[in-house]
N, C-alpha and C. Protein backbone atom coordinates (compact mmCIF):
# COMPACT_ATOMS: atom_id res chain seq x y z
N MET A 1 0.99 -1.22 0.08
CA MET A 1 -0.02 0.07 -0.06
C MET A 1 0.91 1.15 0.16
N ALA A 2 0.49 2.25 -0.68
CA ALA A 2 1.35 3.43 -0.80
C ALA A 2 1.07 4.34 0.15
N THR A 3 2.11 4.98 0.37
CA THR A 3 2.13 6.13 1.57
C THR A 3 1.67 7.33 0.91
N ILE A 4 1.27 8.20 1.59
CA ILE A 4 0.52 9.59 1.47
C ILE A 4 1.58 10.22 0.39
N THR A 5 2.80 10.30 0.96
CA THR A 5 3.87 10.89 -0.07
C THR A 5 4.00 10.34 -1.24
N GLU A 6 4.01 9.10 -1.50
CA GLU A 6 3.93 8.48 -2.81
C GLU A 6 2.83 8.55 -3.57
N LEU A 7 1.74 8.60 -2.91
CA LEU A 7 0.53 9.17 -3.80
C LEU A 7 0.63 10.40 -4.22
N LYS A 8 1.02 11.44 -3.44
CA LYS A 8 1.35 12.80 -3.77
C LYS A 8 2.17 12.84 -5.01
N CYS A 9 3.08 12.40 -4.82
CA CYS A 9 4.25 12.34 -5.96
C CYS A 9 3.56 11.70 -7.42
N ALA A 10 3.03 10.56 -7.06
CA ALA A 10 2.44 9.89 -8.22
C ALA A 10 1.28 10.76 -8.99
N VAL A 11 0.54 11.55 -7.99
CA VAL A 11 -0.53 12.46 -8.81
C VAL A 11 0.15 13.57 -9.52
N ARG A 12 1.23 14.22 -8.84
CA ARG A 12 1.85 15.28 -9.26
C ARG A 12 2.55 15.02 -10.50
N ASP A 13 3.19 13.73 -10.59
CA ASP A 13 3.88 13.32 -11.84
C ASP A 13 2.87 13.20 -12.94
N THR A 14 1.83 12.65 -12.59
CA THR A 14 0.66 12.36 -13.78
C THR A 14 0.14 13.62 -14.30
N LEU A 15 -0.01 14.52 -13.20
CA LEU A 15 -0.55 15.92 -13.81
C LEU A 15 0.42 16.53 -14.69
N GLU A 16 1.65 16.52 -14.19
CA GLU A 16 2.77 17.16 -15.07
C GLU A 16 2.80 16.55 -16.44
N SER A 17 2.97 15.24 -16.40
CA SER A 17 3.18 14.65 -17.88
C SER A 17 1.82 14.81 -18.87
N ARG A 18 0.75 15.11 -18.10
CA ARG A 18 -0.40 15.46 -18.86
C ARG A 18 -0.53 16.92 -19.28
N GLY A 19 0.51 17.70 -18.69
CA GLY A 19 0.39 19.18 -18.91
C GLY A 19 -0.73 19.99 -18.23
N VAL A 20 -1.25 19.25 -17.18
CA VAL A 20 -2.48 19.79 -16.61
C VAL A 20 -2.14 20.73 -15.42
N LEU A 21 -0.87 20.22 -14.75
CA LEU A 21 -0.54 20.85 -13.36
C LEU A 21 -0.05 22.35 -13.69
N GLY A 22 0.46 22.64 -14.94
CA GLY A 22 0.89 23.90 -15.25
C GLY A 22 -0.25 24.99 -15.34
N GLN A 23 -1.28 24.21 -16.22
CA GLN A 23 -2.49 25.07 -16.46
C GLN A 23 -3.04 25.57 -15.14
N LEU A 24 -3.17 24.34 -14.25
CA LEU A 24 -3.76 24.46 -13.02
C LEU A 24 -3.20 25.82 -12.16
N LYS A 25 -1.78 25.68 -12.29
CA LYS A 25 -1.13 26.70 -11.49
C LYS A 25 -1.30 28.05 -11.88
N ALA A 26 -1.48 28.21 -13.17
CA ALA A 26 -1.59 29.51 -13.80
C ALA A 26 -3.03 30.02 -13.68
N ARG A 27 -4.00 29.05 -13.77
CA ARG A 27 -5.31 29.54 -13.46
C ARG A 27 -5.28 30.00 -12.01
N ILE A 28 -4.66 29.17 -11.01
CA ILE A 28 -4.88 29.64 -9.60
C ILE A 28 -4.20 31.01 -9.54
N ARG A 29 -3.05 31.30 -10.06
CA ARG A 29 -2.39 32.53 -9.92
C ARG A 29 -3.12 33.69 -10.54
N ALA A 30 -3.90 33.35 -11.61
CA ALA A 30 -4.76 34.57 -12.20
C ALA A 30 -5.74 34.80 -11.25
N GLU A 31 -6.59 33.88 -10.88
CA GLU A 31 -7.55 34.03 -9.88
C GLU A 31 -7.15 34.49 -8.68
N VAL A 32 -5.96 34.34 -8.06
CA VAL A 32 -5.55 35.19 -6.95
C VAL A 32 -5.13 36.46 -7.21
N PHE A 33 -4.62 36.92 -8.38
CA PHE A 33 -4.39 38.29 -8.83
C PHE A 33 -5.72 38.95 -8.88
N SER A 34 -6.69 38.18 -9.41
CA SER A 34 -8.06 38.96 -9.58
C SER A 34 -8.69 39.13 -8.31
N ALA A 35 -8.38 38.12 -7.36
CA ALA A 35 -9.37 38.38 -6.05
C ALA A 35 -8.64 39.67 -5.48
N LEU A 36 -7.18 39.80 -5.57
CA LEU A 36 -6.41 40.77 -4.79
C LEU A 36 -6.56 42.26 -5.52
N ASP A 37 -6.94 42.14 -6.67
CA ASP A 37 -6.92 43.27 -7.53
C ASP A 37 -8.11 44.21 -6.86
N ASP A 38 -7.81 45.45 -6.78
CA ASP A 38 -8.63 46.55 -5.93
C ASP A 38 -9.57 46.93 -7.15
N GLN A 39 -10.90 46.34 -7.11
CA GLN A 39 -11.95 46.75 -8.10
C GLN A 39 -12.38 48.17 -7.94
N ARG A 40 -12.28 48.67 -6.89
CA ARG A 40 -12.76 50.11 -6.62
C ARG A 40 -11.88 50.97 -7.30
N GLU A 41 -10.60 50.72 -7.49
CA GLU A 41 -9.83 51.61 -8.39
C GLU A 41 -9.86 51.29 -9.96
N PRO A 42 -10.61 52.17 -10.62
CA PRO A 42 -10.86 51.72 -12.06
C PRO A 42 -9.57 51.92 -12.85
N ARG A 43 -9.45 50.92 -13.76
CA ARG A 43 -8.17 50.86 -14.60
C ARG A 43 -8.28 51.92 -15.55
N PRO A 44 -7.36 52.61 -16.15
CA PRO A 44 -7.48 53.39 -17.24
C PRO A 44 -8.00 52.80 -18.33
N PRO A 45 -8.54 53.35 -19.27
CA PRO A 45 -9.07 52.63 -20.59
C PRO A 45 -7.98 52.08 -21.34
N LEU A 46 -7.95 50.99 -21.91
CA LEU A 46 -7.01 50.30 -22.75
C LEU A 46 -6.81 50.95 -24.06
N SER A 47 -5.57 51.64 -24.15
CA SER A 47 -5.61 52.37 -25.53
C SER A 47 -5.17 51.26 -26.67
N HIS A 48 -5.38 51.68 -27.87
CA HIS A 48 -5.12 51.00 -28.89
C HIS A 48 -3.58 50.55 -29.05
N GLU A 49 -2.54 51.39 -28.62
CA GLU A 49 -1.29 51.00 -28.54
C GLU A 49 -1.11 49.88 -27.41
N ASN A 50 -1.63 50.17 -26.19
CA ASN A 50 -1.56 49.07 -25.06
C ASN A 50 -1.96 47.80 -25.61
N LEU A 51 -3.19 47.79 -26.14
CA LEU A 51 -3.69 46.48 -26.63
C LEU A 51 -2.63 45.75 -27.57
N LEU A 52 -2.22 46.51 -28.50
CA LEU A 52 -1.16 45.85 -29.45
C LEU A 52 0.21 45.37 -28.71
N ILE A 53 0.57 46.26 -27.80
CA ILE A 53 1.75 45.86 -26.93
C ILE A 53 1.59 44.63 -26.12
N ASN A 54 0.46 44.56 -25.40
CA ASN A 54 0.04 43.48 -24.71
C ASN A 54 -0.01 42.25 -25.52
N GLU A 55 -0.47 42.24 -26.73
CA GLU A 55 -0.58 41.19 -27.55
C GLU A 55 0.69 40.65 -28.09
N LEU A 56 1.67 41.62 -28.43
CA LEU A 56 2.92 41.17 -28.82
C LEU A 56 3.73 40.57 -27.60
N ILE A 57 3.39 41.02 -26.38
CA ILE A 57 4.08 40.39 -25.29
C ILE A 57 3.52 38.98 -25.05
N ARG A 58 2.13 38.91 -25.21
CA ARG A 58 1.56 37.80 -24.96
C ARG A 58 1.93 36.50 -25.94
N GLU A 59 1.96 37.07 -27.17
CA GLU A 59 2.58 36.15 -28.08
C GLU A 59 3.93 35.77 -27.96
N TYR A 60 4.68 36.65 -27.36
CA TYR A 60 6.08 36.18 -27.09
C TYR A 60 6.13 35.21 -25.77
N LEU A 61 5.45 35.59 -24.94
CA LEU A 61 5.50 34.84 -23.54
C LEU A 61 4.89 33.16 -24.06
N GLU A 62 3.94 33.19 -24.70
CA GLU A 62 3.37 31.83 -25.08
C GLU A 62 4.15 30.96 -25.85
N PHE A 63 4.91 31.65 -27.05
CA PHE A 63 5.94 31.11 -27.80
C PHE A 63 7.03 30.43 -27.07
N ASN A 64 7.37 31.16 -25.88
CA ASN A 64 8.56 30.79 -25.09
C ASN A 64 8.17 29.84 -23.81
N LYS A 65 6.76 29.50 -23.77
CA LYS A 65 5.98 28.75 -22.98
C LYS A 65 6.14 29.23 -21.35
N TYR A 66 6.00 30.60 -21.47
CA TYR A 66 5.84 31.20 -20.18
C TYR A 66 4.37 31.35 -19.89
N ARG A 67 3.91 30.36 -19.74
CA ARG A 67 2.29 30.24 -19.72
C ARG A 67 1.84 31.05 -18.32
N TYR A 68 2.41 30.91 -17.22
CA TYR A 68 2.20 31.44 -16.03
C TYR A 68 2.03 32.89 -16.19
N THR A 69 3.22 33.58 -16.84
CA THR A 69 3.42 34.81 -16.89
C THR A 69 2.15 35.26 -17.80
N ALA A 70 2.07 34.49 -18.91
CA ALA A 70 1.00 35.12 -19.79
C ALA A 70 -0.43 35.19 -19.14
N SER A 71 -0.63 34.08 -18.34
CA SER A 71 -2.15 34.25 -17.74
C SER A 71 -2.12 35.30 -16.79
N VAL A 72 -1.10 35.68 -16.08
CA VAL A 72 -1.26 36.79 -15.12
C VAL A 72 -1.26 38.04 -16.15
N LEU A 73 -0.60 38.09 -17.01
CA LEU A 73 -0.59 39.34 -18.05
C LEU A 73 -2.22 39.65 -18.34
N THR A 74 -2.72 38.61 -18.81
CA THR A 74 -4.05 38.59 -19.29
C THR A 74 -4.87 39.07 -18.24
N ALA A 75 -4.96 38.43 -17.07
CA ALA A 75 -5.67 38.82 -16.01
C ALA A 75 -5.56 40.03 -15.33
N GLU A 76 -4.42 40.68 -15.42
CA GLU A 76 -3.97 41.95 -14.99
C GLU A 76 -4.55 42.94 -15.86
N SER A 77 -4.20 42.74 -17.33
CA SER A 77 -4.35 43.97 -18.05
C SER A 77 -5.71 44.07 -18.75
N GLY A 78 -6.64 42.96 -18.56
CA GLY A 78 -7.92 43.02 -18.91
C GLY A 78 -8.18 42.71 -20.49
N GLN A 79 -7.05 42.19 -20.84
CA GLN A 79 -7.09 41.63 -22.13
C GLN A 79 -8.24 40.57 -22.41
N ALA A 80 -8.39 40.27 -23.61
CA ALA A 80 -9.63 39.43 -23.83
C ALA A 80 -8.70 37.74 -23.67
N GLU A 81 -9.45 36.95 -23.22
CA GLU A 81 -8.85 35.60 -22.91
C GLU A 81 -8.25 35.02 -24.20
N VAL A 82 -8.92 35.25 -25.39
CA VAL A 82 -8.71 34.96 -26.78
C VAL A 82 -7.67 36.11 -27.42
N PRO A 83 -6.64 35.37 -27.83
CA PRO A 83 -5.56 36.39 -28.45
C PRO A 83 -6.05 37.00 -29.80
N LEU A 84 -5.74 38.20 -30.15
CA LEU A 84 -5.97 38.86 -31.49
C LEU A 84 -5.44 37.96 -32.50
N ASP A 85 -6.02 37.99 -33.68
CA ASP A 85 -5.41 37.16 -34.74
C ASP A 85 -3.99 37.78 -35.10
N ARG A 86 -3.00 36.95 -35.26
CA ARG A 86 -1.92 37.43 -35.79
C ARG A 86 -1.68 38.26 -36.97
N GLN A 87 -2.46 37.89 -37.99
CA GLN A 87 -2.47 38.73 -39.15
C GLN A 87 -3.10 40.17 -38.94
N PHE A 88 -3.99 40.31 -38.12
CA PHE A 88 -4.49 41.56 -37.67
C PHE A 88 -3.28 42.39 -36.96
N LEU A 89 -2.66 41.79 -36.20
CA LEU A 89 -1.66 42.45 -35.50
C LEU A 89 -0.52 43.05 -36.50
N ALA A 90 -0.16 42.02 -37.46
CA ALA A 90 0.69 42.44 -38.57
C ALA A 90 0.15 43.58 -39.33
N ASP A 91 -1.15 43.70 -39.75
CA ASP A 91 -1.58 44.67 -40.42
C ASP A 91 -1.71 45.99 -39.69
N GLU A 92 -1.96 45.86 -38.36
CA GLU A 92 -2.06 47.12 -37.52
C GLU A 92 -0.46 47.87 -37.38
N LEU A 93 0.48 46.99 -37.20
CA LEU A 93 1.79 47.31 -37.18
C LEU A 93 2.43 47.62 -38.60
N LYS A 94 1.56 47.37 -39.65
CA LYS A 94 2.18 47.57 -40.99
C LYS A 94 3.49 46.82 -41.29
N VAL A 95 3.26 45.56 -40.90
CA VAL A 95 4.29 44.61 -40.98
C VAL A 95 3.99 43.52 -42.10
N THR A 96 4.91 43.25 -43.06
CA THR A 96 4.82 42.42 -43.85
C THR A 96 5.84 41.14 -43.48
N GLU A 97 5.26 39.85 -43.51
CA GLU A 97 5.94 38.68 -43.29
C GLU A 97 6.12 37.83 -44.28
N ASP A 98 7.51 36.98 -44.21
CA ASP A 98 7.72 36.01 -45.07
C ASP A 98 7.43 34.51 -44.35
N LEU A 99 7.47 33.50 -44.98
CA LEU A 99 7.19 32.24 -44.18
C LEU A 99 8.15 32.13 -43.21
N SER A 100 9.30 32.29 -43.13
CA SER A 100 10.19 32.18 -41.86
C SER A 100 10.01 32.92 -40.78
N SER A 101 9.52 34.17 -40.97
CA SER A 101 9.18 34.97 -39.86
C SER A 101 7.68 34.85 -39.10
N LYS A 102 6.93 34.08 -39.98
CA LYS A 102 5.76 33.52 -39.16
C LYS A 102 5.99 32.46 -38.21
N SER A 103 7.23 31.73 -38.14
CA SER A 103 7.48 30.67 -37.27
C SER A 103 7.85 31.33 -35.82
N VAL A 104 8.14 32.61 -35.82
CA VAL A 104 8.42 33.23 -34.50
C VAL A 104 7.50 34.32 -34.22
N PRO A 105 7.31 34.83 -32.94
CA PRO A 105 6.60 35.94 -32.56
C PRO A 105 7.02 37.25 -33.49
N LEU A 106 5.83 38.06 -33.59
CA LEU A 106 6.14 39.27 -34.25
C LEU A 106 7.28 40.34 -33.51
N LEU A 107 7.32 40.25 -32.19
CA LEU A 107 8.17 40.74 -31.41
C LEU A 107 9.52 40.62 -31.74
N TYR A 108 10.14 39.30 -32.11
CA TYR A 108 11.35 39.00 -32.45
C TYR A 108 11.65 39.58 -33.93
N GLY A 109 10.76 39.76 -35.02
CA GLY A 109 10.87 40.24 -36.23
C GLY A 109 11.18 41.88 -36.09
N LEU A 110 10.27 42.47 -35.06
CA LEU A 110 10.42 43.89 -35.01
C LEU A 110 11.81 44.42 -34.24
N VAL A 111 12.15 43.39 -33.31
CA VAL A 111 13.45 43.61 -32.57
C VAL A 111 14.62 43.48 -33.62
N SER A 112 14.48 42.50 -34.41
CA SER A 112 15.60 41.98 -35.47
C SER A 112 15.75 43.11 -36.39
N HIS A 113 14.57 43.77 -36.75
CA HIS A 113 14.62 44.79 -37.85
C HIS A 113 15.26 45.96 -37.31
N PHE A 114 15.24 46.40 -36.02
CA PHE A 114 15.83 47.44 -35.66
C PHE A 114 17.43 47.20 -35.13
N VAL A 115 17.66 45.95 -34.84
CA VAL A 115 18.96 45.62 -34.53
C VAL A 115 19.87 45.44 -35.77
N ASN A 116 19.40 44.87 -36.75
CA ASN A 116 20.12 44.53 -37.93
C ASN A 116 19.87 45.49 -39.06
N SER A 117 18.96 46.37 -39.14
CA SER A 117 18.74 46.94 -40.48
C SER A 117 19.23 48.41 -40.53
N ASN A 118 19.63 48.94 -39.53
CA ASN A 118 20.27 50.15 -39.37
C ASN A 118 21.80 50.29 -39.47
N ASP A 119 22.37 49.98 -40.61
CA ASP A 119 23.51 49.76 -40.60
C ASP A 119 24.61 50.95 -40.46
N ASN A 120 24.04 52.09 -40.74
CA ASN A 120 24.73 53.52 -40.73
C ASN A 120 24.79 53.91 -39.35
N GLY A 121 24.32 53.42 -38.30
CA GLY A 121 24.38 53.68 -37.01
C GLY A 121 23.82 54.97 -36.47
N GLU A 122 22.72 55.40 -37.35
CA GLU A 122 21.72 56.61 -36.86
C GLU A 122 20.74 55.83 -36.11
N LYS A 123 20.38 56.62 -35.07
CA LYS A 123 19.16 56.23 -34.22
C LYS A 123 17.83 56.45 -34.90
N VAL A 124 16.92 55.77 -34.39
CA VAL A 124 15.45 56.04 -34.97
C VAL A 124 14.79 56.95 -34.03
N PHE A 125 14.33 57.73 -34.55
CA PHE A 125 13.38 58.73 -33.74
C PHE A 125 11.98 58.18 -33.56
N LEU A 126 11.69 57.98 -32.08
CA LEU A 126 10.45 57.49 -31.63
C LEU A 126 9.66 58.81 -30.99
N ARG A 127 8.32 58.57 -31.45
CA ARG A 127 7.44 59.64 -31.12
C ARG A 127 6.59 59.17 -29.99
N GLY A 128 6.26 59.79 -28.97
CA GLY A 128 5.40 59.36 -27.87
C GLY A 128 4.03 59.02 -28.45
N ALA A 129 3.50 57.88 -27.97
CA ALA A 129 2.16 57.45 -28.34
C ALA A 129 0.95 58.05 -27.70
N SER A 130 -0.33 57.78 -28.32
CA SER A 130 -1.35 58.62 -27.40
C SER A 130 -1.62 57.87 -26.07
N LEU A 131 -1.77 58.42 -25.23
CA LEU A 131 -2.10 57.90 -23.82
C LEU A 131 -3.59 57.97 -23.46
N PRO A 132 -4.05 56.87 -22.86
CA PRO A 132 -5.54 56.96 -22.31
C PRO A 132 -5.79 58.15 -21.25
N ALA A 133 -6.68 58.73 -21.42
CA ALA A 133 -7.37 59.87 -20.61
C ALA A 133 -6.97 59.44 -19.12
N GLY A 134 -6.47 60.27 -18.45
CA GLY A 134 -6.31 60.25 -16.93
C GLY A 134 -4.79 59.60 -16.71
N THR A 135 -4.04 59.43 -17.64
CA THR A 135 -2.79 59.01 -17.20
C THR A 135 -1.68 60.24 -17.43
N THR A 136 -0.61 60.19 -16.83
CA THR A 136 0.45 61.42 -16.80
C THR A 136 1.21 61.07 -18.28
N GLY A 137 1.82 62.12 -18.68
CA GLY A 137 2.70 62.01 -19.79
C GLY A 137 3.97 61.70 -19.46
N SER A 138 4.51 61.29 -18.09
CA SER A 138 5.85 61.09 -17.76
C SER A 138 6.40 59.81 -18.57
N HIS A 139 5.48 59.07 -19.07
CA HIS A 139 6.07 57.83 -19.62
C HIS A 139 6.28 57.95 -21.21
N THR A 140 5.97 59.12 -21.64
CA THR A 140 6.10 59.31 -23.30
C THR A 140 7.74 59.50 -23.66
N VAL A 141 8.00 59.26 -24.86
CA VAL A 141 9.27 59.42 -25.37
C VAL A 141 9.32 60.87 -25.72
N PRO A 142 10.33 61.57 -25.22
CA PRO A 142 10.34 63.06 -25.73
C PRO A 142 10.60 63.25 -27.28
N GLY A 143 10.18 64.33 -27.88
CA GLY A 143 10.24 64.72 -29.24
C GLY A 143 11.64 65.13 -29.55
N PRO A 144 11.94 65.86 -30.64
CA PRO A 144 12.99 66.50 -30.86
C PRO A 144 13.39 67.73 -30.35
N ASP A 145 12.18 68.48 -29.88
CA ASP A 145 12.27 69.69 -29.14
C ASP A 145 12.48 69.61 -27.76
N ALA A 146 12.38 68.44 -27.20
CA ALA A 146 12.41 68.45 -25.69
C ALA A 146 13.90 68.68 -25.11
């Protein structure tokens, strides 16, 4: 007859081998964050830019099998449980992909573009994005006159 410890190990091993244990842990973490989240303090509206950024990050996290982190991001950010369509993201970012780039997250391609395509050493000028109402402008990238 198996001891309690042996039974626990057998159940844990079985759940891990089926991929269920990670999903359960992720779901519990998301529910804990949701329960701890102060619902009295309203979240700022999710801007279009934040929606796209969150989806790029979610795609990256899921590709790298950081499922716990992805589930917490989804719960905390208020993103929909179902990810946006990749082609929609590419269209919104005005990105054209080839077959090889479709095998990795869009974020990899964007970073690769900026790391590898600017051979003359010049910096790329970034403009501050539109912020949701009620947020401070302290997180924007200053323009050339700043």
